[in-house]
Amino acid sequence: MTMILLIVKIVLALLFGLAGIMKATRSMEQLAGMGMTWVNEYPENSVRLIGILELMGGLGLILPTLTGFLPVITLMSSVCLAVTMILAALHHYKHKEFKNIAINVVFLALCAFVAYSSL
């Protein structure tokens, strides 16, 4: 079980970290061109903030495991990322993008698994 948890943490950290870096550093036009058309509905600063928070959440999933310092950060990060996935799913539901909701639900379940395992 410990190995599965570590693998899930690493995968989520990479996915959220890379997505966060992309949102924090790329232009709105580049993001929209990559299929993230939702960025056109929000101010650029909001998209950048989401990216920074996703990056921090990804780091919070893995750094406490690597350092042994403040393991409660993993719990907090996984819960915050789960909330992010709920909000993303609500956005996609509003726009009838049901295929994207499936991805949000998978990430939500993985974040919930990490949170539960961190208790």
Protein backbone atom coordinates (compact mmCIF):
# COMPACT_ATOMS: atom_id res chain seq x y z
CA MET A 1 0.00 0.00 0.00
CA THR A 2 2.84 2.38 0.80
CA MET A 3 4.31 1.93 -2.68
CA ILE A 4 0.95 2.60 -4.33
CA LEU A 5 0.51 5.75 -2.24
CA LEU A 6 3.99 6.97 -3.19
CA ILE A 7 3.32 6.34 -6.89
CA VAL A 8 -0.01 8.22 -6.71
CA LYS A 9 1.68 11.14 -4.93
CA ILE A 10 4.43 11.32 -7.56
CA VAL A 11 1.98 11.13 -10.47
CA LEU A 12 -0.27 13.82 -8.98
CA ALA A 13 2.70 16.01 -8.10
CA LEU A 14 3.98 15.81 -11.67
CA LEU A 15 0.58 16.40 -13.26
CA PHE A 16 -0.40 19.33 -11.03
CA GLY A 17 3.12 20.72 -11.04
CA LEU A 18 3.42 20.73 -14.81
CA ALA A 19 -0.11 22.08 -15.28
CA GLY A 20 0.65 24.79 -12.74
CA ILE A 21 3.89 25.80 -14.44
CA MET A 22 2.07 25.98 -17.76
CA LYS A 23 -0.71 28.20 -16.40
CA ALA A 24 1.72 30.41 -14.52
CA THR A 25 4.13 30.99 -17.40
CA ARG A 26 2.32 30.71 -20.74
CA SER A 27 0.28 33.43 -22.38
CA MET A 28 -3.49 33.22 -22.39
CA GLU A 29 -3.42 32.74 -26.18
CA GLN A 30 -1.04 29.79 -25.86
CA LEU A 31 -3.19 28.18 -23.18
CA ALA A 32 -6.36 28.67 -25.22
CA GLY A 33 -4.58 27.21 -28.25
CA MET A 34 -3.74 24.12 -26.20
CA GLY A 35 -7.43 23.46 -25.60
CA MET A 36 -7.80 25.38 -22.35
CA THR A 37 -10.45 27.67 -23.76
CA TRP A 38 -11.79 28.31 -20.25
CA VAL A 39 -8.92 30.77 -19.69
CA ASN A 40 -10.73 33.27 -21.92
CA GLU A 41 -13.50 33.55 -19.31
CA TYR A 42 -11.24 34.56 -16.43
CA PRO A 43 -8.81 37.39 -15.77
CA GLU A 44 -5.19 36.58 -16.53
CA ASN A 45 -4.21 37.09 -12.88
CA SER A 46 -6.75 34.45 -11.82
CA VAL A 47 -5.34 31.92 -14.27
CA ARG A 48 -1.81 32.68 -13.05
CA LEU A 49 -2.94 32.26 -9.43
CA ILE A 50 -4.53 28.90 -10.23
CA GLY A 51 -1.25 27.83 -11.83
CA ILE A 52 0.84 28.89 -8.85
CA LEU A 53 -1.54 27.17 -6.44
CA GLU A 54 -1.48 23.96 -8.50
CA LEU A 55 2.32 24.04 -8.50
CA MET A 56 2.43 24.60 -4.75
CA GLY A 57 -0.14 21.83 -4.23
CA GLY A 58 1.93 19.43 -6.32
CA LEU A 59 5.04 20.25 -4.30
CA GLY A 60 3.05 19.85 -1.09
CA LEU A 61 2.12 16.32 -2.09
CA ILE A 62 5.69 15.09 -2.45
CA LEU A 63 8.12 17.30 -0.50
CA PRO A 64 6.97 16.25 2.99
CA THR A 65 7.41 12.61 1.97
CA LEU A 66 10.93 13.29 0.69
CA THR A 67 12.02 15.44 3.64
CA GLY A 68 9.97 14.04 6.52
CA PHE A 69 9.17 17.64 7.47
CA LEU A 70 5.58 18.61 8.33
CA PRO A 71 3.73 15.63 6.81
CA VAL A 72 0.42 17.43 7.49
CA ILE A 73 1.19 19.55 4.42
CA THR A 74 0.47 16.50 2.26
CA LEU A 75 -3.00 16.25 3.77
CA MET A 76 -3.68 19.96 3.29
CA SER A 77 -2.37 19.93 -0.29
CA SER A 78 -4.41 16.90 -1.30
CA VAL A 79 -7.60 18.39 0.17
CA CYS A 80 -7.00 21.74 -1.56
CA LEU A 81 -6.31 20.03 -4.89
CA ALA A 82 -9.48 17.95 -4.45
CA VAL A 83 -11.45 21.18 -3.96
CA THR A 84 -9.81 22.54 -7.10
CA MET A 85 -11.02 19.48 -9.02
CA ILE A 86 -14.55 19.94 -7.69
CA LEU A 87 -14.56 23.56 -8.85
CA ALA A 88 -13.13 22.55 -12.23
CA ALA A 89 -15.83 19.88 -12.62
CA LEU A 90 -18.51 22.45 -11.82
CA HIS A 91 -17.09 24.78 -14.46
CA HIS A 92 -17.09 21.97 -17.05
CA TYR A 93 -20.62 20.94 -16.06
CA LYS A 94 -21.81 24.51 -16.58
CA HIS A 95 -20.35 24.42 -20.11
CA LYS A 96 -21.56 20.85 -20.82
CA GLU A 97 -17.97 19.59 -21.22
CA PHE A 98 -18.73 16.18 -19.77
CA LYS A 99 -15.57 14.53 -21.08
CA ASN A 100 -13.49 16.91 -18.96
CA ILE A 101 -15.54 16.12 -15.87
CA ALA A 102 -14.39 12.50 -16.05
CA ILE A 103 -10.77 13.62 -15.79
CA ASN A 104 -11.63 15.87 -12.84
CA VAL A 105 -13.35 12.98 -11.08
CA VAL A 106 -10.32 10.70 -11.52
CA PHE A 107 -7.98 13.36 -10.12
CA LEU A 108 -10.45 14.07 -7.32
CA ALA A 109 -10.50 10.38 -6.38
CA LEU A 110 -6.70 10.21 -6.38
CA CYS A 111 -6.47 13.34 -4.22
CA ALA A 112 -9.04 11.87 -1.84
CA PHE A 113 -7.01 8.65 -1.65
CA VAL A 114 -3.89 10.62 -0.71
CA ALA A 115 -5.82 12.70 1.83
CA TYR A 116 -7.37 9.64 3.45
CA SER A 117 -4.00 7.88 3.55
CA SER A 118 -2.43 10.96 5.16
CA LEU A 119 -4.77 10.94 8.17
